[in-house]
Protein backbone atom coordinates (compact mmCIF):
# COMPACT_ATOMS: atom_id res chain seq x y z
CA MET A 1 -1.04 39.06 -28.89
CA THR A 2 -0.02 35.52 -27.88
CA ARG A 3 2.43 33.49 -29.88
CA ILE A 4 1.96 29.72 -30.05
CA GLN A 5 4.43 27.28 -31.52
CA LEU A 6 2.95 24.25 -33.13
CA THR A 7 3.37 21.96 -36.14
CA ALA A 8 1.75 22.64 -39.49
CA THR A 9 -0.49 19.59 -39.01
CA ALA A 10 -1.69 20.86 -35.63
CA LEU A 11 -2.21 24.35 -36.95
CA ALA A 12 -4.29 23.18 -39.95
CA ARG A 13 -6.56 21.26 -37.53
CA LEU A 14 -6.78 23.89 -34.72
CA ARG A 15 -6.62 27.25 -36.48
CA PRO A 16 -10.32 27.70 -37.20
CA ARG A 17 -11.18 27.10 -33.56
CA LEU A 18 -8.27 29.21 -32.29
CA ASP A 19 -9.21 32.02 -34.59
CA ALA A 20 -12.75 31.85 -33.20
CA LEU A 21 -11.51 32.65 -29.68
CA ALA A 22 -11.80 36.25 -28.61
CA HIS A 23 -8.02 36.66 -28.47
CA PRO A 24 -5.33 37.54 -31.02
CA PHE A 25 -2.77 34.80 -31.80
CA GLU A 26 0.35 34.63 -33.90
CA TYR A 27 1.43 31.16 -35.04
CA VAL A 28 5.04 29.90 -35.05
CA VAL A 29 5.43 26.80 -37.19
CA MET A 30 8.33 24.45 -37.77
CA ASP A 31 8.44 22.39 -41.00
CA GLU A 32 10.09 19.02 -41.54
CA THR A 33 13.46 20.61 -42.30
CA GLY A 34 13.52 22.21 -38.83
CA THR A 35 12.93 25.71 -40.17
CA LEU A 36 10.91 27.95 -37.94
CA ARG A 37 8.51 30.44 -39.42
CA LEU A 38 6.39 33.21 -37.81
CA GLU A 39 3.34 33.96 -39.89
CA GLY A 40 5.21 32.64 -42.97
CA ARG A 41 8.59 34.37 -42.61
CA GLU A 42 11.67 32.49 -41.40
CA VAL A 43 12.80 33.42 -37.90
CA THR A 44 15.12 32.26 -35.14
CA PRO A 45 13.67 30.83 -31.88
CA GLU A 46 14.58 34.09 -30.15
CA GLN A 47 12.82 36.14 -32.82
CA ALA A 48 9.81 33.87 -32.67
CA ASN A 49 9.59 34.44 -28.91
CA SER A 50 6.80 31.84 -28.41
CA GLU A 51 4.86 32.04 -25.17
CA CYS A 52 3.09 28.66 -25.60
CA GLY A 53 4.25 25.37 -27.16
CA LEU A 54 2.15 22.42 -28.32
CA LEU A 55 3.72 18.96 -28.40
CA SER A 56 1.01 17.50 -30.64
CA ASN A 57 0.41 13.89 -31.72
CA ASP A 58 2.23 14.23 -35.02
CA LEU A 59 5.34 15.62 -33.38
CA PHE A 60 5.97 12.36 -31.49
CA PHE A 61 6.52 10.68 -34.92
CA ALA A 62 8.38 13.60 -36.57
CA THR A 63 12.09 13.55 -37.46
CA PHE A 64 12.46 17.21 -36.31
CA GLN A 65 11.01 16.76 -32.82
CA MET A 66 14.23 17.63 -30.93
CA ALA A 67 14.81 20.70 -33.11
CA TYR A 68 11.27 21.74 -32.28
CA VAL A 69 11.90 21.41 -28.57
CA ASP A 70 15.21 23.26 -28.92
CA ALA A 71 13.32 26.17 -30.48
CA LEU A 72 10.98 26.26 -27.46
CA VAL A 73 13.86 26.06 -25.04
CA ARG A 74 15.49 29.09 -26.71
CA SER A 75 12.32 31.22 -26.67
CA PRO A 76 12.75 33.93 -24.05
CA ALA A 77 9.00 34.34 -23.57
CA LEU A 78 8.05 30.65 -23.17
CA LYS A 79 5.71 30.15 -20.26
CA TRP A 80 3.76 26.90 -20.94
CA VAL A 81 4.04 23.67 -22.93
CA GLN A 82 1.04 21.42 -23.57
CA SER A 83 1.80 17.74 -24.40
CA CYS A 84 -0.39 15.20 -26.17
CA GLY A 85 1.20 12.44 -24.14
CA ALA A 86 0.45 11.16 -20.63
CA GLY A 87 3.97 10.19 -19.55
CA LEU A 88 7.07 12.30 -18.98
CA ASP A 89 9.81 9.91 -20.01
CA HIS A 90 10.25 11.06 -23.68
CA PRO A 91 13.58 12.84 -24.43
CA MET A 92 11.63 15.92 -25.45
CA PHE A 93 10.53 16.45 -21.84
CA ALA A 94 14.05 15.89 -20.44
CA ALA A 95 15.32 18.56 -22.80
CA LEU A 96 12.73 20.99 -21.65
CA ALA A 97 13.29 20.29 -17.94
CA ARG A 98 17.11 20.53 -18.19
CA HIS A 99 17.00 24.02 -19.66
CA ARG A 100 13.70 25.56 -18.65
CA SER A 101 12.79 24.93 -15.03
CA ASP A 102 10.66 28.13 -15.10
CA ILE A 103 7.93 26.91 -17.40
CA ARG A 104 4.55 25.22 -16.82
CA LEU A 105 3.82 21.78 -18.27
CA SER A 106 0.54 20.03 -18.79
CA THR A 107 -0.12 16.56 -20.08
CA ASN A 108 -2.91 14.64 -21.78
CA HIS A 109 -5.08 11.79 -20.40
CA THR A 110 -7.87 11.83 -23.01
CA GLN A 111 -6.47 8.82 -24.84
CA GLY A 112 -7.65 6.38 -22.15
CA GLY A 113 -10.93 5.55 -23.81
CA GLY A 114 -9.36 4.53 -27.09
CA MET A 115 -6.60 2.51 -25.40
CA ALA A 116 -9.14 0.72 -23.21
CA GLU A 117 -11.04 -0.36 -26.34
CA TYR A 118 -7.73 -1.70 -27.74
CA VAL A 119 -7.27 -3.77 -24.60
CA MET A 120 -10.78 -5.18 -24.83
CA TRP A 121 -10.21 -6.00 -28.52
CA GLY A 122 -7.07 -7.92 -27.64
CA VAL A 123 -8.69 -9.92 -24.95
CA LEU A 124 -11.78 -10.77 -26.95
CA SER A 125 -9.62 -11.67 -29.92
CA HIS A 126 -7.55 -14.06 -27.80
CA PHE A 127 -10.44 -15.47 -25.86
CA HIS A 128 -12.43 -16.16 -28.99
CA SER A 129 -9.58 -17.29 -31.24
CA GLY A 130 -10.34 -20.94 -30.59
CA ALA A 131 -13.96 -20.49 -31.47
CA ALA A 132 -13.49 -19.64 -35.15
CA GLN A 133 -16.36 -21.09 -37.16
CA VAL A 134 -14.64 -21.05 -40.50
CA ILE A 135 -11.46 -22.73 -41.74
CA PRO A 136 -10.11 -20.80 -44.83
CA GLY A 137 -10.87 -22.71 -48.01
CA GLU A 138 -13.07 -25.25 -46.32
CA HIS A 139 -16.84 -25.09 -46.13
CA ARG A 140 -17.19 -26.96 -42.86
CA TRP A 141 -19.42 -26.11 -39.92
CA ILE A 142 -17.29 -26.32 -36.74
CA ARG A 143 -18.26 -25.38 -33.21
CA ARG A 144 -15.71 -24.58 -30.57
CA ARG A 145 -16.17 -23.22 -27.08
CA ALA A 146 -15.06 -19.59 -26.52
CA ARG A 147 -13.78 -18.15 -23.22
CA GLU A 148 -15.85 -15.52 -21.55
CA ILE A 149 -14.50 -12.36 -19.92
CA ASN A 150 -17.34 -12.65 -17.40
CA GLY A 151 -15.91 -14.02 -14.15
CA THR A 152 -12.26 -13.54 -15.05
CA ARG A 153 -9.91 -11.66 -12.76
CA TRP A 154 -7.95 -8.69 -14.07
CA LEU A 155 -4.88 -7.00 -12.58
CA ILE A 156 -4.37 -3.49 -13.97
CA ILE A 157 -0.94 -2.16 -13.06
CA GLY A 158 -0.96 1.57 -13.27
CA PHE A 159 -4.42 2.50 -12.11
CA GLY A 160 -4.46 6.12 -13.42
CA SER A 161 -6.66 7.56 -16.12
CA ILE A 162 -5.85 4.88 -18.69
CA GLY A 163 -6.01 1.99 -16.28
CA GLN A 164 -9.34 3.16 -14.93
CA GLU A 165 -10.85 3.32 -18.43
CA VAL A 166 -9.74 -0.29 -18.95
CA ALA A 167 -11.35 -1.19 -15.58
CA ARG A 168 -14.65 0.58 -16.59
CA ARG A 169 -14.93 -1.67 -19.65
CA ALA A 170 -13.70 -4.87 -18.02
CA LYS A 171 -16.21 -4.43 -15.22
CA ALA A 172 -19.07 -3.97 -17.71
CA PHE A 173 -18.14 -7.41 -19.09
CA GLY A 174 -18.40 -8.89 -15.58
CA ALA A 175 -14.71 -9.12 -14.71
CA HIS A 176 -13.28 -8.84 -11.25
CA VAL A 177 -10.77 -5.96 -11.30
CA THR A 178 -7.82 -5.22 -9.01
CA GLY A 179 -5.99 -1.98 -9.62
CA VAL A 180 -2.39 -1.35 -8.67
CA ARG A 181 -1.06 2.12 -7.81
CA ARG A 182 1.56 3.60 -5.49
CA ARG A 183 -1.01 5.15 -3.19
CA PRO A 184 -3.86 2.69 -3.06
CA GLN A 185 -7.37 4.01 -2.32
CA PRO A 186 -10.77 2.58 -2.98
CA SER A 187 -12.30 3.09 -6.44
CA LEU A 188 -15.79 2.47 -7.75
CA LEU A 189 -14.12 1.04 -10.83
CA ALA A 190 -12.23 -1.72 -9.01
CA ASP A 191 -13.12 -4.50 -6.67
CA ALA A 192 -9.78 -3.87 -4.92
CA VAL A 193 -6.89 -1.43 -5.21
CA VAL A 194 -3.48 -2.66 -3.97
CA ALA A 195 0.11 -1.40 -3.63
CA PRO A 196 2.90 -2.51 -5.99
CA ASP A 197 4.40 -4.77 -3.40
CA GLU A 198 1.22 -6.97 -3.59
CA VAL A 199 1.52 -7.67 -7.20
CA LEU A 200 3.35 -11.02 -7.14
CA ALA A 201 0.74 -12.42 -4.71
CA ALA A 202 -2.13 -11.20 -6.91
CA LEU A 203 -0.69 -12.74 -10.11
CA THR A 204 -1.31 -16.29 -9.01
CA ASN A 205 -5.02 -15.82 -9.38
CA THR A 206 -5.16 -13.43 -12.34
CA ASP A 207 -6.45 -14.11 -15.83
CA VAL A 208 -5.54 -10.79 -17.55
CA VAL A 209 -2.61 -8.56 -16.60
CA VAL A 210 -2.63 -5.07 -18.14
CA LEU A 211 0.38 -2.84 -17.87
CA CYS A 212 -0.63 0.91 -18.03
CA MET A 213 2.11 2.56 -16.00
CA PRO A 214 4.63 5.19 -17.12
CA GLN A 215 8.31 4.51 -17.09
CA THR A 216 9.97 5.12 -13.74
CA LYS A 217 12.95 3.53 -12.00
CA ASP A 218 10.54 1.23 -10.26
CA THR A 219 8.81 -0.06 -13.44
CA VAL A 220 11.87 -0.93 -15.60
CA ASN A 221 12.00 -4.73 -16.01
CA LEU A 222 9.02 -5.08 -13.65
CA VAL A 223 7.89 -8.12 -15.72
CA ASP A 224 10.95 -10.32 -15.07
CA ALA A 225 11.39 -14.05 -14.60
CA GLU A 226 9.89 -13.95 -11.10
CA PHE A 227 6.86 -11.98 -12.24
CA LEU A 228 6.23 -14.34 -15.14
CA ALA A 229 6.70 -17.43 -13.07
CA ALA A 230 3.85 -16.17 -10.79
CA MET A 231 1.38 -15.88 -13.73
CA LYS A 232 -1.17 -18.58 -14.47
CA PRO A 233 -0.46 -20.66 -17.62
CA THR A 234 -3.87 -19.62 -19.02
CA SER A 235 -3.37 -15.93 -18.38
CA MET A 236 -2.79 -13.05 -20.81
CA LEU A 237 -0.29 -10.18 -20.57
CA ILE A 238 -1.02 -6.88 -22.25
CA ASN A 239 1.35 -3.89 -22.38
CA VAL A 240 0.11 -0.45 -23.41
CA GLY A 241 2.42 1.40 -20.96
CA ARG A 242 6.17 1.35 -21.73
CA GLY A 243 8.28 -1.27 -23.36
CA SER A 244 10.92 -0.96 -20.66
CA ALA A 245 8.52 -2.63 -18.19
CA ILE A 246 9.19 -6.07 -19.78
CA ASP A 247 12.39 -8.07 -19.78
CA ASP A 248 12.17 -9.26 -23.33
CA ALA A 249 14.42 -12.31 -22.91
CA ALA A 250 12.50 -13.42 -19.81
CA LEU A 251 9.12 -13.05 -21.58
CA LEU A 252 10.26 -15.16 -24.55
CA LYS A 253 11.67 -17.86 -22.24
CA SER A 254 8.52 -17.94 -20.12
CA LEU A 255 6.19 -18.11 -23.11
CA ASP A 256 8.18 -21.02 -24.50
CA ALA A 257 7.84 -22.72 -21.09
CA GLY A 258 4.04 -22.29 -21.18
CA ARG A 259 3.15 -19.11 -19.32
CA PRO A 260 1.39 -16.82 -19.95
CA ALA A 261 -0.87 -18.18 -22.66
CA HIS A 262 -0.49 -15.03 -24.82
CA ALA A 263 1.06 -11.56 -24.81
CA LEU A 264 -0.36 -8.53 -26.60
CA LEU A 265 2.38 -5.88 -26.95
CA ASP A 266 1.88 -2.32 -28.24
CA VAL A 267 5.06 -0.72 -26.81
CA PHE A 268 8.68 -1.77 -26.99
CA ARG A 269 12.16 -0.86 -25.78
CA VAL A 270 13.16 0.10 -29.26
CA GLU A 271 10.53 1.58 -31.62
CA PRO A 272 9.91 0.80 -34.38
CA LEU A 273 10.46 -2.81 -33.28
CA PRO A 274 13.51 -4.05 -35.24
CA PRO A 275 12.60 -6.50 -38.09
CA GLU A 276 14.84 -9.21 -36.72
CA HIS A 277 13.21 -9.09 -33.22
CA PRO A 278 11.86 -12.49 -32.11
CA PHE A 279 8.55 -10.88 -30.95
CA TRP A 280 7.44 -10.57 -34.60
CA SER A 281 7.32 -14.31 -35.24
CA HIS A 282 6.53 -15.77 -31.83
CA PRO A 283 3.19 -17.74 -32.05
CA ARG A 284 2.04 -16.51 -28.67
CA ILE A 285 2.71 -12.85 -29.18
CA THR A 286 0.61 -10.21 -30.95
CA VAL A 287 2.57 -7.18 -31.98
CA THR A 288 0.99 -3.78 -32.82
CA ALA A 289 2.79 -0.61 -33.75
CA HIS A 290 2.25 1.60 -30.64
CA THR A 291 -1.21 2.33 -31.95
CA SER A 292 -3.46 1.63 -28.97
CA ALA A 293 -4.23 5.33 -28.63
CA VAL A 294 -4.55 6.03 -32.36
CA THR A 295 -8.31 5.98 -32.78
CA THR A 296 -10.94 8.03 -34.63
CA HIS A 297 -11.52 10.41 -31.72
CA TRP A 298 -7.87 10.72 -30.69
CA ASP A 299 -7.33 14.16 -32.17
CA THR A 300 -10.84 15.35 -31.25
CA ARG A 301 -10.37 14.69 -27.55
CA LEU A 302 -6.88 16.15 -27.52
CA ASP A 303 -8.08 19.26 -29.36
CA GLU A 304 -10.82 19.88 -26.72
CA LEU A 305 -8.19 19.65 -24.03
CA ILE A 306 -5.79 22.03 -25.88
CA LEU A 307 -8.51 24.64 -26.45
CA ASP A 308 -9.70 24.39 -22.88
CA ASN A 309 -6.22 24.78 -21.48
CA ILE A 310 -5.41 27.69 -23.79
CA THR A 311 -8.50 29.39 -22.52
CA ARG A 312 -7.49 28.71 -18.93
CA PHE A 313 -3.88 29.91 -19.57
CA LEU A 314 -5.11 33.21 -21.08
CA ALA A 315 -7.49 33.68 -18.16
CA GLY A 316 -4.84 32.94 -15.49
CA GLN A 317 -6.82 29.87 -14.32
CA PRO A 318 -5.39 26.41 -13.23
CA LEU A 319 -4.52 24.11 -16.13
CA ARG A 320 -5.90 20.65 -16.53
CA ASN A 321 -3.32 17.88 -15.99
CA GLU A 322 -0.56 20.32 -14.93
CA VAL A 323 2.51 18.71 -13.52
CA PRO A 324 5.57 20.35 -11.98
CA ILE A 325 8.43 20.55 -14.45
CA SER A 326 10.60 19.26 -11.62
CA GLU A 327 8.91 15.87 -11.89
CA VAL A 328 10.36 15.24 -15.35
CA PRO A 329 13.29 12.82 -15.29
CA THR A 330 16.34 14.47 -16.88
CA SER A 331 18.65 11.45 -17.16
């Protein structure tokens, strides 16, 4: 018998497929009050004794997320935690790493396809915004010239699974793609892959800059005054990585001065973005609510990964996307 801790939402979605596996499971569920239940009866984390924990999509938006992680930390039998996220900078991971250096941790990179479509939507929307054929309330035929993606140059900073999915789609539109990663190596999805210290030089000839990297000490305030000054006035900045990568004040000042032409922001230093934040009303910024990964197949792809990794865990096989718990930043 294997005990899995998960949210009620995740259990409702996964249970039929988990029950279909040739293995007996018991389900430990935490509700929105932070109460833990094993097969319906209230228990302590020690009594629950979960072996596996799922950090599912809904948990990242739940008020009880830290209580949920605390219950995992206190489970004597805990061996493995599966996350729905790609990064490791959320406080939930720090809490795990501080108290349970003996567990395994695996992440999720299946959201790349949906996030890449979001990026393409943003670029197409901006490039074609001046080509609108209709003025609201006026029946006038107007023709304007739209900008093509074909022939543009893209700089994708953070050329991992998400960045590569963006590159795949941009290349299909005829864009020239340069990927940026700490350990550059050739890729069929990029015309070039460079190291982070080459970013400033590349910016001067780039039309679309896409930030896909996780938060590290090297990425905080990466987009500062110097970075923005190197961008083309006609370029576009897109952030689907972490809000901490952008110096907010520097971006506002640079946009007011004429560069870049537009910024599409899906992630922010403080989320939800405070109502009084100037990003909301700036005419050259598009704000979305950290939804680039929230697509129709978001849960489906994650569920496939969860079920595959559960099968691997039970069979003693290597897990997909496993990362050492020691790589999680704890401060």
